[in-house]
Amino acid sequence: MRTIVLLIASNLFMTIAWYGHLRHRDVALWKVILISWGIALLEYCLQVPANRWGYGQFTAFQLKILQEVITLLVFGVFAVVYLHEPVRWNYAVAFVCILAAVHFAFLPAPAKP
């Protein structure tokens, strides 16, 4: 649970760092880069422990797939709420496909004969 909470928090910072400036296109690019790197540092301070503590409970593949789904969930909310982007049907279908990938990634390994 601690890993998932840290992944969610790190993805909040990552999304803000990468996409938060899109509503502030009047700010100089060099300033946006510096601010984004500062925010991204906080993201790394959460992401690294999440992966360190989660590895063993999850495989590296599972951690990465879990992180990608959390990224898409956080970004989806951010895009709708902050950027006022519409959700289109093809985005929803793509997300369902990614959820299917998560399902397959977390299936138990087959028993060895």
Protein backbone atom coordinates (compact mmCIF):
# COMPACT_ATOMS: atom_id res chain seq x y z
CA MET A 1 0.00 0.00 0.00
CA ARG A 2 2.87 2.36 0.84
CA THR A 3 4.29 1.83 -2.66
CA ILE A 4 1.00 2.73 -4.34
CA VAL A 5 0.53 5.86 -2.22
CA LEU A 6 4.07 7.01 -3.04
CA LEU A 7 3.52 6.29 -6.74
CA ILE A 8 0.34 8.36 -6.74
CA ALA A 9 2.06 11.25 -4.96
CA SER A 10 5.10 11.12 -7.24
CA ASN A 11 2.85 11.11 -10.30
CA LEU A 12 1.01 14.19 -9.04
CA PHE A 13 4.33 16.05 -8.96
CA MET A 14 5.42 14.59 -12.30
CA THR A 15 2.19 15.64 -14.02
CA ILE A 16 2.41 19.14 -12.62
CA ALA A 17 6.08 19.40 -13.65
CA TRP A 18 5.49 18.14 -17.19
CA TYR A 19 2.10 19.63 -18.01
CA GLY A 20 1.26 22.35 -15.48
CA HIS A 21 3.00 25.01 -17.52
CA LEU A 22 0.72 24.49 -20.51
CA ARG A 23 -1.76 26.98 -19.07
CA HIS A 24 1.04 29.51 -18.59
CA ARG A 25 2.43 29.85 -22.09
CA ASP A 26 3.34 33.50 -21.45
CA VAL A 27 6.13 32.48 -19.02
CA ALA A 28 9.60 32.25 -20.57
CA LEU A 29 10.60 28.71 -21.50
CA TRP A 30 13.83 28.82 -19.46
CA LYS A 31 11.81 29.71 -16.35
CA VAL A 32 9.36 26.88 -17.01
CA ILE A 33 12.25 24.44 -17.40
CA LEU A 34 13.79 25.47 -14.08
CA ILE A 35 10.48 25.34 -12.24
CA SER A 36 9.64 21.97 -13.80
CA TRP A 37 13.00 20.53 -12.77
CA GLY A 38 12.43 21.72 -9.21
CA ILE A 39 9.03 20.05 -9.11
CA ALA A 40 10.45 16.91 -10.76
CA LEU A 41 13.02 16.64 -7.97
CA LEU A 42 10.14 16.13 -5.53
CA GLU A 43 8.72 13.49 -7.87
CA TYR A 44 12.02 11.58 -7.84
CA CYS A 45 12.21 11.81 -4.04
CA LEU A 46 8.94 9.84 -3.92
CA GLN A 47 9.37 7.60 -6.98
CA VAL A 48 12.71 6.11 -5.94
CA PRO A 49 11.55 4.94 -2.48
CA ALA A 50 8.30 3.66 -3.98
CA ASN A 51 10.25 1.43 -6.33
CA ARG A 52 12.83 0.45 -3.72
CA TRP A 53 10.22 -0.57 -1.16
CA GLY A 54 7.85 -2.06 -3.71
CA TYR A 55 10.44 -4.30 -5.35
CA GLY A 56 10.05 -7.74 -3.86
CA GLN A 57 6.36 -7.26 -3.20
CA PHE A 58 6.07 -6.60 -6.95
CA THR A 59 8.36 -7.56 -9.80
CA ALA A 60 10.09 -4.79 -11.73
CA PHE A 61 7.67 -5.37 -14.61
CA GLN A 62 4.68 -5.10 -12.29
CA LEU A 63 6.05 -1.92 -10.70
CA LYS A 64 6.49 -0.29 -14.10
CA ILE A 65 3.05 -1.30 -15.35
CA LEU A 66 1.45 -0.15 -12.09
CA GLN A 67 3.29 3.16 -12.36
CA GLU A 68 2.07 3.68 -15.93
CA VAL A 69 -1.56 3.09 -14.97
CA ILE A 70 -1.27 5.47 -12.04
CA THR A 71 0.34 8.01 -14.37
CA LEU A 72 -2.58 7.76 -16.78
CA LEU A 73 -5.17 8.04 -14.01
CA VAL A 74 -3.49 11.08 -12.50
CA PHE A 75 -2.96 12.66 -15.90
CA GLY A 76 -6.55 11.97 -16.96
CA VAL A 77 -7.93 13.80 -13.94
CA PHE A 78 -5.41 16.61 -14.41
CA ALA A 79 -6.20 17.02 -18.11
CA VAL A 80 -9.94 17.22 -17.49
CA VAL A 81 -9.88 19.34 -14.33
CA TYR A 82 -6.88 21.64 -14.88
CA LEU A 83 -6.43 21.77 -18.66
CA HIS A 84 -10.16 21.45 -19.43
CA GLU A 85 -9.52 18.76 -22.06
CA PRO A 86 -12.44 16.61 -23.18
CA VAL A 87 -12.37 12.85 -22.75
CA ARG A 88 -12.87 11.24 -26.14
CA TRP A 89 -14.11 7.70 -26.72
CA ASN A 90 -10.78 6.56 -28.19
CA TYR A 91 -8.95 7.70 -25.03
CA ALA A 92 -11.33 5.59 -22.95
CA VAL A 93 -10.79 2.55 -25.18
CA ALA A 94 -7.01 2.99 -24.99
CA PHE A 95 -7.22 3.16 -21.20
CA VAL A 96 -9.27 -0.05 -21.07
CA CYS A 97 -6.55 -1.75 -23.14
CA ILE A 98 -3.93 -0.59 -20.65
CA LEU A 99 -6.03 -1.93 -17.78
CA ALA A 100 -6.16 -5.25 -19.61
CA ALA A 101 -2.35 -5.19 -19.70
CA VAL A 102 -2.30 -4.69 -15.93
CA HIS A 103 -4.61 -7.65 -15.48
CA PHE A 104 -2.28 -9.88 -17.48
CA ALA A 105 0.84 -8.57 -15.73
CA PHE A 106 -0.54 -9.48 -12.31
CA LEU A 107 -1.71 -13.01 -13.16
CA PRO A 108 0.14 -15.61 -11.10
CA ALA A 109 2.98 -17.43 -12.79
CA PRO A 110 2.05 -20.86 -14.10
CA ALA A 111 3.01 -23.81 -11.89
CA LYS A 112 6.19 -25.58 -12.93
CA PRO A 113 5.70 -29.21 -13.94
